[in-house]
Every structure is written in C-alpha cells, then in structure tokens.
N, C-alpha and C. Protein backbone atom coordinates (compact mmCIF):
# COMPACT_ATOMS: atom_id res chain seq x y z
N MET A 1 222.36 158.96 146.76
CA MET A 1 220.79 158.21 146.36
C MET A 1 219.83 159.06 146.47
N ASN A 2 218.86 159.04 145.33
CA ASN A 2 218.01 159.59 145.74
C ASN A 2 216.46 159.31 146.64
N SER A 3 215.54 159.56 146.82
CA SER A 3 214.33 159.61 147.03
C SER A 3 213.27 159.62 147.08
N CYS A 4 212.49 158.83 147.12
CA CYS A 4 210.56 158.46 146.83
C CYS A 4 210.29 159.80 146.19
N LEU A 5 210.05 160.51 145.43
CA LEU A 5 209.42 161.76 145.29
C LEU A 5 208.03 161.40 145.81
N LEU A 6 207.17 160.44 146.04
CA LEU A 6 205.59 160.50 146.98
C LEU A 6 205.88 159.28 148.38
N CYS A 7 206.70 159.01 148.92
CA CYS A 7 206.95 158.59 150.33
C CYS A 7 208.30 158.73 150.82
N GLU A 8 209.40 159.38 150.59
CA GLU A 8 210.31 159.60 150.40
C GLU A 8 211.59 158.86 151.08
N THR A 9 210.89 157.71 150.64
CA THR A 9 212.02 156.21 150.89
C THR A 9 213.35 156.54 149.96
N PRO A 10 214.67 156.17 150.86
CA PRO A 10 215.78 156.36 149.81
C PRO A 10 215.63 154.97 148.90
N ILE A 11 215.95 155.48 147.29
CA ILE A 11 215.77 154.91 146.04
C ILE A 11 217.04 154.21 146.42
N ALA A 12 217.03 152.40 146.49
CA ALA A 12 219.49 151.91 145.95
C ALA A 12 219.02 151.61 144.64
N GLU A 13 219.79 152.27 143.72
CA GLU A 13 219.45 151.97 142.29
C GLU A 13 221.14 151.54 142.06
N LYS A 14 220.74 150.36 141.11
CA LYS A 14 222.27 149.44 140.60
C LYS A 14 222.96 150.73 140.01
N PRO A 15 223.93 150.75 140.26
CA PRO A 15 225.29 151.69 139.05
C PRO A 15 225.35 151.18 137.74
N SER A 16 225.20 151.65 136.89
CA SER A 16 225.32 151.16 135.61
C SER A 16 226.02 152.22 134.37
N TRP A 17 226.51 151.96 133.37
CA TRP A 17 227.66 152.77 132.19
C TRP A 17 225.95 153.58 131.53
N LYS A 18 225.09 153.20 131.68
CA LYS A 18 223.58 153.81 131.10
C LYS A 18 223.83 154.93 131.99
N ALA A 19 223.56 154.81 133.31
CA ALA A 19 223.04 155.90 134.05
C ALA A 19 224.41 156.55 134.34
N LEU A 20 225.44 155.96 134.57
CA LEU A 20 226.75 157.43 134.52
C LEU A 20 226.67 158.18 133.17
N LEU A 21 226.67 157.88 132.56
CA LEU A 21 226.74 158.67 130.77
C LEU A 21 225.48 159.12 130.84
N ALA A 22 224.29 159.22 131.78
CA ALA A 22 223.04 159.90 131.75
C ALA A 22 222.08 159.49 130.63
N LEU A 23 222.41 158.22 130.23
CA LEU A 23 221.40 157.83 129.21
C LEU A 23 220.45 156.71 129.19
N GLU A 24 220.26 156.68 130.56
CA GLU A 24 219.30 155.89 131.71
C GLU A 24 218.86 157.01 132.53
N GLN A 25 217.45 156.75 132.69
CA GLN A 25 216.69 157.73 133.32
C GLN A 25 216.47 157.52 134.57
N GLN A 26 216.55 158.31 136.01
CA GLN A 26 216.64 158.19 137.32
C GLN A 26 215.38 157.70 137.25
N THR A 27 214.91 156.46 138.34
CA THR A 27 213.48 156.31 138.90
C THR A 27 213.33 157.43 140.31
N GLU A 28 212.09 157.49 140.06
CA GLU A 28 211.63 158.79 140.39
C GLU A 28 210.94 158.30 141.90
N ILE A 29 210.06 156.50 142.14
CA ILE A 29 209.77 157.05 142.79
C ILE A 29 209.83 155.27 143.14
N CYS A 30 209.53 154.48 144.51
CA CYS A 30 209.64 153.24 144.92
C CYS A 30 209.25 152.26 144.67
N GLN A 31 209.80 151.06 144.36
CA GLN A 31 208.58 150.20 144.08
C GLN A 31 207.18 150.05 145.10
N ASP A 32 207.09 150.18 145.51
CA ASP A 32 205.91 150.03 146.83
C ASP A 32 205.10 150.68 146.37
N CYS A 33 205.54 152.21 146.28
CA CYS A 33 204.64 153.42 145.91
C CYS A 33 203.99 152.81 144.23
N SER A 34 205.19 152.43 143.33
CA SER A 34 205.11 152.33 141.84
C SER A 34 203.55 151.03 141.90
N LYS A 35 203.73 149.92 142.42
CA LYS A 35 202.61 149.12 142.70
C LYS A 35 201.02 149.43 142.91
N LYS A 36 201.23 150.84 143.82
CA LYS A 36 199.76 150.79 144.02
C LYS A 36 199.32 151.87 142.89
N PHE A 37 199.85 151.59 141.77
CA PHE A 37 198.96 152.28 140.34
C PHE A 37 199.13 151.40 139.88
N GLN A 38 197.53 150.82 139.16
CA GLN A 38 197.35 150.03 138.29
C GLN A 38 197.00 150.57 137.00
N ARG A 39 198.05 149.70 136.53
CA ARG A 39 197.44 149.90 135.12
C ARG A 39 196.64 149.75 133.90
N ALA A 40 196.16 150.59 133.00
CA ALA A 40 194.80 150.42 131.97
C ALA A 40 195.36 150.22 131.25
N ASP A 41 196.70 150.72 130.40
CA ASP A 41 197.04 149.92 129.06
C ASP A 41 195.59 149.91 128.10
N ILE A 42 195.40 151.11 128.00
CA ILE A 42 194.32 151.50 126.73
C ILE A 42 194.10 151.89 125.55
N LYS A 43 193.73 151.27 124.66
CA LYS A 43 193.69 151.98 123.06
C LYS A 43 192.69 151.54 122.44
N GLU A 44 192.29 152.28 122.29
CA GLU A 44 190.85 152.27 121.53
C GLU A 44 190.62 153.36 120.18
N GLU A 45 189.64 153.44 119.38
CA GLU A 45 189.31 154.35 118.59
C GLU A 45 187.95 154.72 119.23
N GLU A 46 187.63 155.99 118.84
CA GLU A 46 185.94 156.29 118.76
C GLU A 46 186.03 157.57 118.05
N PRO A 47 184.75 158.21 117.95
CA PRO A 47 184.46 158.85 116.78
C PRO A 47 185.33 160.51 117.49
N PHE A 48 185.80 161.08 116.27
CA PHE A 48 186.25 162.30 116.46
C PHE A 48 187.67 161.84 116.75
N LEU A 49 187.65 161.10 117.69
CA LEU A 49 189.60 160.09 118.16
C LEU A 49 190.28 159.26 117.10
N ASP A 50 190.67 159.19 116.49
CA ASP A 50 191.42 158.35 115.52
C ASP A 50 192.15 157.50 116.10
N ARG A 51 192.96 157.64 117.62
CA ARG A 51 193.00 156.80 119.10
C ARG A 51 193.46 157.36 119.83
N LEU A 52 193.04 156.53 121.33
CA LEU A 52 192.75 157.24 122.44
C LEU A 52 193.70 155.96 122.94
N THR A 53 194.70 157.08 123.98
CA THR A 53 195.68 155.50 124.82
C THR A 53 195.46 156.39 126.18
N SER A 54 195.25 155.44 127.12
CA SER A 54 195.27 155.92 128.23
C SER A 54 196.27 154.48 129.40
N LEU A 55 197.12 155.17 130.03
CA LEU A 55 198.05 154.96 130.94
C LEU A 55 197.70 153.53 131.87
N TYR A 56 197.17 154.87 132.80
CA TYR A 56 196.88 154.11 134.15
C TYR A 56 195.34 153.76 134.82
N LYS A 57 194.55 153.62 135.51
CA LYS A 57 193.45 153.45 136.35
C LYS A 57 193.43 154.46 137.17
N TYR A 58 192.16 155.04 137.40
CA TYR A 58 191.85 156.27 138.73
C TYR A 58 191.50 155.22 139.44
N ASN A 59 192.58 155.14 140.86
CA ASN A 59 192.38 154.66 142.06
C ASN A 59 192.67 155.28 143.48
N GLU A 60 192.64 154.98 144.75
CA GLU A 60 193.22 155.75 145.46
C GLU A 60 194.50 156.49 145.25
N ALA A 61 195.48 155.66 144.79
CA ALA A 61 197.13 155.92 144.66
C ALA A 61 197.08 157.26 143.35
N MET A 62 195.98 156.97 142.71
CA MET A 62 196.24 158.01 142.09
C MET A 62 195.43 159.23 142.14
N ARG A 63 194.26 158.89 142.89
CA ARG A 63 193.66 160.37 143.15
C ARG A 63 194.93 161.13 144.27
N GLU A 64 195.46 160.32 145.08
CA GLU A 64 196.51 161.00 146.25
C GLU A 64 197.40 161.83 145.12
N TYR A 65 197.75 161.11 144.03
CA TYR A 65 198.97 161.95 143.92
C TYR A 65 198.40 163.35 142.91
N LEU A 66 197.32 162.86 142.29
CA LEU A 66 196.73 164.28 141.61
C LEU A 66 196.60 165.40 142.69
N HIS A 67 195.83 164.87 143.84
CA HIS A 67 195.72 166.11 145.02
C HIS A 67 197.06 166.89 144.66
N GLN A 68 197.88 166.18 145.50
CA GLN A 68 199.48 166.78 145.85
C GLN A 68 199.77 167.52 144.63
N PHE A 69 199.73 166.69 143.46
CA PHE A 69 200.05 167.47 142.34
C PHE A 69 199.70 168.83 141.94
N LYS A 70 198.39 168.58 141.34
CA LYS A 70 197.82 169.74 140.88
C LYS A 70 197.28 170.72 142.16
N PHE A 71 196.43 170.23 143.35
CA PHE A 71 195.99 171.02 144.42
C PHE A 71 197.22 171.71 145.00
N LEU A 72 197.67 170.90 145.93
CA LEU A 72 198.83 170.86 146.61
C LEU A 72 200.34 171.99 145.94
N GLN A 73 200.12 172.05 144.79
CA GLN A 73 201.18 172.78 143.93
C GLN A 73 202.23 171.77 144.41
N ASP A 74 202.41 170.25 144.12
CA ASP A 74 204.10 169.99 144.13
C ASP A 74 204.52 169.91 142.44
N VAL A 75 205.08 170.94 142.11
CA VAL A 75 205.55 170.53 140.83
C VAL A 75 206.50 169.60 140.15
N ALA A 76 206.87 168.94 141.22
CA ALA A 76 208.58 168.61 141.45
C ALA A 76 207.61 166.58 140.77
N LEU A 77 206.16 166.47 141.23
CA LEU A 77 205.61 165.35 140.99
C LEU A 77 205.65 164.94 139.70
N ALA A 78 205.64 166.12 138.73
CA ALA A 78 205.48 166.00 137.11
C ALA A 78 206.67 165.10 136.88
N SER A 79 207.35 164.35 137.55
CA SER A 79 208.43 163.89 136.48
C SER A 79 208.15 162.26 137.09
N VAL A 80 207.41 161.83 138.17
CA VAL A 80 207.00 160.45 138.36
C VAL A 80 206.80 159.71 137.20
N PHE A 81 205.73 160.11 135.93
CA PHE A 81 205.37 159.05 135.34
C PHE A 81 206.65 159.70 133.64
N ALA A 82 207.36 160.35 134.03
CA ALA A 82 208.48 160.57 132.46
C ALA A 82 208.57 159.49 131.85
N ASN A 83 209.05 158.90 132.05
CA ASN A 83 209.93 157.46 131.89
C ASN A 83 208.66 156.92 130.68
N GLU A 84 207.36 157.03 131.25
CA GLU A 84 206.04 156.29 130.37
C GLU A 84 205.81 157.12 129.16
N LEU A 85 205.58 158.14 129.53
CA LEU A 85 205.72 159.25 128.50
C LEU A 85 206.25 159.42 127.52
N ARG A 86 207.78 159.21 127.89
CA ARG A 86 209.05 159.36 126.96
C ARG A 86 208.74 158.24 126.03
N THR A 87 208.56 157.15 126.67
CA THR A 87 208.61 156.03 125.58
C THR A 87 207.11 155.80 124.50
N LEU A 88 206.35 156.53 125.51
CA LEU A 88 204.69 156.38 124.16
C LEU A 88 205.02 157.51 123.50
N LEU A 89 205.47 159.14 123.28
CA LEU A 89 205.24 159.67 123.12
C LEU A 89 206.97 159.61 122.25
N LYS A 90 207.35 158.70 121.54
CA LYS A 90 208.41 159.00 120.53
C LYS A 90 208.09 159.02 119.28
N GLY A 91 208.62 160.01 118.18
CA GLY A 91 207.84 160.03 117.04
C GLY A 91 207.85 161.38 116.24
N ASN A 92 207.56 161.35 115.55
CA ASN A 92 207.03 162.69 114.48
C ASN A 92 206.13 163.74 114.95
N ALA A 93 205.39 162.77 115.48
CA ALA A 93 203.48 163.81 115.41
C ALA A 93 203.64 165.07 116.11
N THR A 94 203.13 166.14 116.08
CA THR A 94 203.39 167.24 117.00
C THR A 94 202.15 166.85 118.11
N ILE A 95 202.52 167.25 119.25
CA ILE A 95 202.48 167.28 120.60
C ILE A 95 201.76 168.24 120.91
N VAL A 96 200.20 168.55 121.04
CA VAL A 96 199.34 169.48 121.45
C VAL A 96 198.90 168.99 122.93
N PRO A 97 199.17 170.16 123.98
CA PRO A 97 198.73 169.69 125.36
C PRO A 97 197.28 170.54 125.27
N ILE A 98 196.14 169.80 126.19
CA ILE A 98 195.33 170.47 126.65
C ILE A 98 195.65 172.16 127.31
N PRO A 99 195.15 172.59 126.85
CA PRO A 99 195.26 174.33 127.44
C PRO A 99 194.62 174.28 128.75
N MET A 100 195.20 175.04 129.67
CA MET A 100 195.19 175.52 130.74
C MET A 100 194.09 177.16 130.55
N HIS A 101 192.57 177.23 131.08
CA HIS A 101 191.65 178.63 131.01
C HIS A 101 192.95 179.73 131.83
N PRO A 102 193.38 180.92 131.40
CA PRO A 102 194.28 181.57 132.30
C PRO A 102 194.22 181.90 133.25
N GLU A 103 192.46 182.21 133.74
CA GLU A 103 191.91 182.42 135.05
C GLU A 103 192.40 181.17 136.27
N LYS A 104 192.19 179.90 135.86
CA LYS A 104 192.99 179.00 136.75
C LYS A 104 194.17 178.68 136.37
N LYS A 105 195.17 179.42 135.73
CA LYS A 105 196.32 179.10 135.76
C LYS A 105 196.83 179.71 136.79
N ILE A 106 196.13 180.86 136.96
CA ILE A 106 196.66 182.11 137.91
C ILE A 106 196.11 181.58 139.44
N VAL A 107 195.10 180.56 139.68
CA VAL A 107 195.14 179.61 141.11
C VAL A 107 195.72 178.81 141.25
N ARG A 108 196.26 177.35 139.94
CA ARG A 108 197.23 176.83 139.76
C ARG A 108 198.45 176.96 140.09
N THR A 109 198.49 178.31 139.70
CA THR A 109 199.87 178.68 139.52
C THR A 109 200.95 177.60 138.38
N PHE A 110 200.62 176.63 137.85
CA PHE A 110 201.62 175.95 136.90
C PHE A 110 200.50 175.36 135.99
N ALA A 111 200.77 174.82 134.64
CA ALA A 111 200.37 174.35 133.74
C ALA A 111 200.52 173.06 133.99
N HIS A 112 199.46 172.06 134.50
CA HIS A 112 199.97 170.45 135.16
C HIS A 112 200.56 169.93 133.65
N VAL A 113 199.40 169.41 132.78
CA VAL A 113 199.65 169.19 131.32
C VAL A 113 201.06 169.34 130.92
N ASP A 114 201.13 170.67 131.04
CA ASP A 114 202.65 171.33 130.34
C ASP A 114 204.17 170.68 131.44
N GLU A 115 203.81 170.70 131.88
CA GLU A 115 204.74 170.21 133.40
C GLU A 115 204.95 168.65 133.11
N LEU A 116 204.42 167.87 132.77
CA LEU A 116 204.39 166.62 132.81
C LEU A 116 205.34 165.74 131.71
N LEU A 117 204.61 167.24 130.50
CA LEU A 117 205.79 166.77 129.10
C LEU A 117 207.37 167.59 129.13
N LYS A 118 207.58 168.52 130.10
CA LYS A 118 208.56 169.10 130.07
C LYS A 118 209.44 168.18 130.98
N SER A 119 208.87 167.40 131.84
CA SER A 119 209.81 166.80 132.79
C SER A 119 210.16 165.71 131.72
N ALA A 120 208.94 165.21 131.06
CA ALA A 120 209.80 164.31 130.17
C ALA A 120 210.25 164.39 129.01
N GLY A 121 210.81 165.96 128.64
CA GLY A 121 211.76 166.54 127.65
C GLY A 121 210.97 166.64 126.69
N ILE A 122 209.80 166.38 126.58
CA ILE A 122 209.01 166.15 124.92
C ILE A 122 208.48 167.43 124.48
N PRO A 123 208.82 168.01 123.17
CA PRO A 123 208.46 168.87 122.76
C PRO A 123 207.48 169.55 122.30
N PHE A 124 206.45 170.08 122.87
CA PHE A 124 205.39 170.59 122.37
C PHE A 124 204.60 171.79 122.36
N THR A 125 203.52 171.86 121.14
CA THR A 125 202.88 172.74 121.27
C THR A 125 201.57 173.45 121.42
N HIS A 126 201.41 175.02 121.63
CA HIS A 126 200.03 174.90 122.07
C HIS A 126 199.13 175.57 120.62
N LEU A 127 198.35 174.76 120.19
CA LEU A 127 197.34 175.57 119.49
C LEU A 127 196.34 175.58 119.92
N LEU A 128 196.10 175.54 120.60
CA LEU A 128 194.27 175.67 121.14
C LEU A 128 194.37 176.63 122.15
N GLU A 129 193.03 177.08 122.55
CA GLU A 129 193.15 178.56 123.67
C GLU A 129 191.51 177.89 124.11
N LYS A 130 191.48 177.69 125.48
CA LYS A 130 190.17 177.17 126.34
C LYS A 130 189.53 178.28 126.18
N THR A 131 187.98 178.26 126.53
CA THR A 131 186.61 179.14 126.22
C THR A 131 186.44 179.36 127.46
N GLY A 132 186.79 178.36 127.88
CA GLY A 132 185.70 178.98 129.51
C GLY A 132 186.48 178.00 130.63
N THR A 133 185.79 178.00 131.68
CA THR A 133 186.46 177.43 132.76
C THR A 133 185.66 176.60 133.63
N ASP A 134 184.45 175.73 132.87
CA ASP A 134 183.66 174.67 132.93
C ASP A 134 184.42 173.24 133.40
N VAL A 135 184.13 173.06 134.15
CA VAL A 135 184.49 171.31 134.89
C VAL A 135 183.32 169.99 134.26
N MET A 136 184.07 170.00 132.53
CA MET A 136 182.83 168.57 132.47
C MET A 136 182.55 167.74 133.38
N GLY A 137 183.52 167.14 134.03
CA GLY A 137 182.45 165.96 135.20
C GLY A 137 181.41 166.27 135.85
N GLU A 138 181.63 168.05 136.05
CA GLU A 138 180.28 168.39 136.86
C GLU A 138 179.02 168.01 136.19
N LYS A 139 178.90 167.78 135.37
CA LYS A 139 178.22 168.34 133.72
C LYS A 139 177.33 166.97 133.19
N SER A 140 176.25 167.33 133.42
CA SER A 140 175.52 165.71 132.76
C SER A 140 175.69 165.74 131.45
N LYS A 141 175.47 164.29 130.92
CA LYS A 141 175.60 163.88 129.78
C LYS A 141 174.99 165.14 128.70
N ALA A 142 173.68 165.09 128.68
CA ALA A 142 172.83 166.28 127.86
C ALA A 142 173.44 168.00 128.13
N GLU A 143 174.35 168.12 129.28
CA GLU A 143 174.75 169.65 129.36
C GLU A 143 176.08 169.20 128.25
N ARG A 144 176.84 167.85 128.61
CA ARG A 144 177.84 167.91 127.64
C ARG A 144 177.73 168.03 125.97
N LEU A 145 176.63 167.53 125.91
CA LEU A 145 176.58 167.66 124.19
C LEU A 145 175.28 168.59 124.00
N ALA A 146 175.40 169.74 124.90
CA ALA A 146 174.47 171.05 124.52
C ALA A 146 175.89 171.95 124.46
N MET A 147 177.09 171.87 124.95
CA MET A 147 177.90 173.02 125.22
C MET A 147 178.65 173.34 124.16
N ALA A 148 178.40 175.18 123.98
CA ALA A 148 179.29 175.43 122.93
C ALA A 148 180.74 175.32 122.50
N PRO A 149 181.64 174.87 121.78
CA PRO A 149 183.17 174.53 121.61
C PRO A 149 183.43 174.76 122.62
N LEU A 150 184.68 173.92 123.43
CA LEU A 150 185.50 174.24 124.41
C LEU A 150 186.67 174.84 124.67
N PHE A 151 187.34 174.61 123.01
CA PHE A 151 188.39 175.31 122.21
C PHE A 151 188.37 176.18 121.43
N THR A 152 189.08 177.22 120.72
CA THR A 152 189.61 177.58 119.47
C THR A 152 190.56 177.72 119.19
N LEU A 153 191.23 177.60 117.91
CA LEU A 153 192.32 178.05 117.44
C LEU A 153 193.09 179.16 117.97
N LYS A 154 194.33 178.69 118.46
CA LYS A 154 195.31 180.14 118.82
C LYS A 154 194.65 180.84 117.88
N PRO A 155 195.48 182.55 118.28
CA PRO A 155 195.16 183.21 116.80
C PRO A 155 196.65 183.21 116.34
N GLY A 156 196.78 183.50 114.76
CA GLY A 156 197.99 183.56 114.40
C GLY A 156 198.52 181.78 114.17
N THR A 157 197.80 180.75 114.28
CA THR A 157 198.25 179.00 114.04
C THR A 157 197.88 178.69 113.14
N THR A 158 198.78 178.04 112.55
CA THR A 158 198.41 177.28 111.18
C THR A 158 198.45 175.65 111.36
N VAL A 159 197.44 175.20 110.98
CA VAL A 159 197.63 173.64 111.24
C VAL A 159 197.86 173.41 110.12
N GLN A 160 199.01 172.26 109.43
CA GLN A 160 199.16 171.75 108.90
C GLN A 160 198.65 170.16 108.83
N PRO A 161 198.51 169.56 107.30
CA PRO A 161 198.38 168.48 107.63
C PRO A 161 199.09 167.37 108.20
N GLY A 162 198.70 166.06 108.99
CA GLY A 162 199.55 165.45 109.84
C GLY A 162 198.89 165.16 111.08
N THR A 163 200.06 164.05 111.87
CA THR A 163 199.48 163.87 112.55
C THR A 163 199.64 164.52 114.11
N TYR A 164 198.61 164.49 114.98
CA TYR A 164 198.83 165.35 116.04
C TYR A 164 197.73 164.73 117.49
N ILE A 165 198.84 164.85 118.11
CA ILE A 165 198.26 164.02 119.78
C ILE A 165 198.69 164.94 120.72
N VAL A 166 196.77 164.83 120.89
CA VAL A 166 196.41 165.60 122.52
C VAL A 166 196.84 164.86 123.55
N ILE A 167 197.29 166.16 124.18
CA ILE A 167 197.36 165.45 125.56
C ILE A 167 196.95 165.76 126.94
N ASP A 168 196.50 165.10 127.43
CA ASP A 168 195.70 165.73 128.83
C ASP A 168 195.95 164.63 129.98
N ASP A 169 195.70 165.16 131.30
CA ASP A 169 195.83 163.85 132.83
C ASP A 169 195.06 163.07 132.62
N ILE A 170 193.45 163.65 132.33
CA ILE A 170 193.03 162.38 133.12
C ILE A 170 191.34 162.09 131.58
N TYR A 171 191.10 161.45 131.16
CA TYR A 171 190.04 160.55 130.63
C TYR A 171 188.79 160.37 131.28
N THR A 172 187.69 161.95 131.30
CA THR A 172 186.67 161.08 132.10
C THR A 172 185.47 160.87 131.60
N THR A 173 185.04 162.02 130.60
CA THR A 173 184.04 161.49 129.61
C THR A 173 184.29 161.64 128.35
N GLY A 174 185.61 162.29 128.35
CA GLY A 174 186.34 162.11 126.81
C GLY A 174 185.32 163.52 126.18
N THR A 175 184.43 164.46 126.57
CA THR A 175 184.43 165.80 126.21
C THR A 175 185.57 166.80 125.45
N THR A 176 186.15 166.76 126.59
CA THR A 176 187.68 167.65 126.11
C THR A 176 188.37 167.25 125.15
N LEU A 177 188.40 166.18 125.17
CA LEU A 177 189.54 165.22 124.38
C LEU A 177 188.89 165.31 122.71
N ARG A 178 187.39 165.18 122.52
CA ARG A 178 186.81 165.17 121.01
C ARG A 178 186.26 166.86 121.18
N HIS A 179 186.16 167.78 121.78
CA HIS A 179 186.50 168.94 121.44
C HIS A 179 187.36 169.66 120.99
N ALA A 180 188.41 169.28 121.81
CA ALA A 180 190.06 169.40 120.67
C ALA A 180 190.21 169.17 119.28
N ALA A 181 189.97 168.04 119.47
CA ALA A 181 190.21 166.74 118.21
C ALA A 181 189.49 167.58 116.89
N THR A 182 187.96 167.86 117.44
CA THR A 182 187.55 168.43 116.30
C THR A 182 187.90 169.79 115.88
N VAL A 183 188.70 170.80 116.57
CA VAL A 183 189.08 171.97 116.35
C VAL A 183 190.49 171.66 115.64
N LEU A 184 191.23 170.72 116.02
CA LEU A 184 192.37 170.79 114.97
C LEU A 184 191.82 170.31 112.93
N LYS A 185 191.20 168.55 113.45
CA LYS A 185 190.74 168.35 112.11
C LYS A 185 189.95 169.23 111.11
N GLU A 186 189.27 170.04 111.73
CA GLU A 186 188.75 171.42 111.10
C GLU A 186 189.27 172.38 110.34
N ALA A 187 190.58 172.45 111.31
CA ALA A 187 191.64 173.51 110.61
C ALA A 187 192.55 172.58 109.65
N GLY A 188 192.76 171.16 109.91
CA GLY A 188 193.94 170.83 108.72
C GLY A 188 193.77 169.69 109.06
N ALA A 189 194.15 168.96 110.22
CA ALA A 189 194.92 167.96 110.60
C ALA A 189 194.43 166.88 110.09
N THR A 190 195.13 166.25 109.49
CA THR A 190 194.82 164.88 108.94
C THR A 190 194.70 163.47 109.81
N ARG A 191 194.82 163.34 111.72
CA ARG A 191 194.92 162.66 112.59
C ARG A 191 195.08 163.07 113.58
N VAL A 192 193.60 162.98 114.42
CA VAL A 192 194.43 163.13 115.45
C VAL A 192 193.91 161.98 116.74
N GLU A 193 195.54 161.99 117.47
CA GLU A 193 194.88 160.96 118.35
C GLU A 193 194.96 161.55 119.88
N THR A 194 195.36 160.74 120.98
CA THR A 194 195.04 161.19 122.40
C THR A 194 195.70 159.90 123.32
N VAL A 195 196.19 161.09 124.15
CA VAL A 195 197.06 160.20 125.19
C VAL A 195 196.84 160.73 126.20
N THR A 196 196.35 160.05 127.64
CA THR A 196 196.01 160.68 128.61
C THR A 196 197.07 159.74 129.94
N LEU A 197 197.39 160.23 131.11
CA LEU A 197 197.66 159.64 131.81
C LEU A 197 196.72 158.71 132.53
N ILE A 198 195.57 159.28 132.86
CA ILE A 198 194.66 158.37 133.59
C ILE A 198 193.52 157.95 132.54
N ARG A 199 192.50 156.62 133.42
CA ARG A 199 191.08 156.84 132.57
C ARG A 199 190.48 156.52 134.25
N ALA A 200 189.09 157.05 133.73
CA ALA A 200 188.48 157.26 135.20
C ALA A 200 187.08 156.28 134.36
N GLU A 201 186.99 155.62 135.24
CA GLU A 201 185.39 154.72 135.10
C GLU A 201 184.20 155.56 135.56
N ARG A 202 183.25 155.39 134.66
CA ARG A 202 182.28 156.45 135.17
C ARG A 202 180.83 155.28 134.76
C-alpha cells in the first residue's frame, strides 16, 4: 500500500490488470490532498508564445507544495503531478526546460523543472543557458522590460525548424517564458509553446 507523498496517509488502490502489468501509473497523493489544488486549465496565446498552458492556480496548497519541493529539497515530490504532465506532453515536440543558473543549482542541489520531467518519464533537451540569477517576481514591470536577455543558446546547439515546448514550474509575469521563446525563434524554431505547472495571479 502506498502512502500520500504530502500527508503520508495510506492510499488504498483498487487492484487492476493494468496496475499489475505496470501500464497504469500509481497514485502519488490522496484524494484529500488532491482536492486542495485548484485547477486552472489555462490555454491562451500571447505575443512571442504560440500557446501558453497552465495546469493549476497558485493557492495555499500549492505554496506549501513548492516550499517543500524546491526549498526544503524534497525531490520525491517531483512525481506528484507526473500523470498530468505525461498526458499533456505527448507528441513529437522538443521539450525544453527552463534552465537553472549553476549558482542556484548549487544552493538548491537539483534542477526542479528537470526533476518534474524526469519523474514523468518525459525526454527533454537543454537548449538554453541562464545569463543571470535575477528573480523576475521581485522586479517592477519597467525593470523587466528594460532587462537584457535572460537566456542564450547553449554553445554548439542547433535549433531545427519545428515545434518546441518550453517548460517551467510557475508563470508569474511571463517574462521568463517570453525571453526563452525569443531566443529559440531567433535560432530557427518554427513554433514555441509553453507549459507551466502553476499560474500565479498578479
């Protein structure tokens, strides 16, 4: 019997042939914890982004999840939303995670966006490098507009024409995703979509 990754309550699952054959993914959190997350299901387009998809709204339950996952370094929590990401990211597009600056990775000990994708078994390719350690949520709109590019293309990388999906954990202002999309399109990408786990309302 599995236990909920968030509250450690035992999870009783009905046995099935799919589960026995490993064709059905295990439930990682209990129904009570699952109900605390508020679906966003946002799908829209905006300048520089051919499609933007966000799965959940930022609420208290999500704040606690992010704190435990990212800042308390509980990497096991990467699998909480694996089923949703796996379902959403089926297809032939190239998956590109937003990179973490090397200095931040030393502090955090792991790249959280990479771990979300790994837990879902989704292949991804690092095409971008972060140019600084600035936090977008701490800047004003004017400061964000005046910023130098946040990313550069990874040395030796070639971007072929096609569809690319940029992945990040949270959409706050959109600046990070727009900068990433701009670099990819200037390098040759035909279409750049984005998927975030969370959409923060500002």
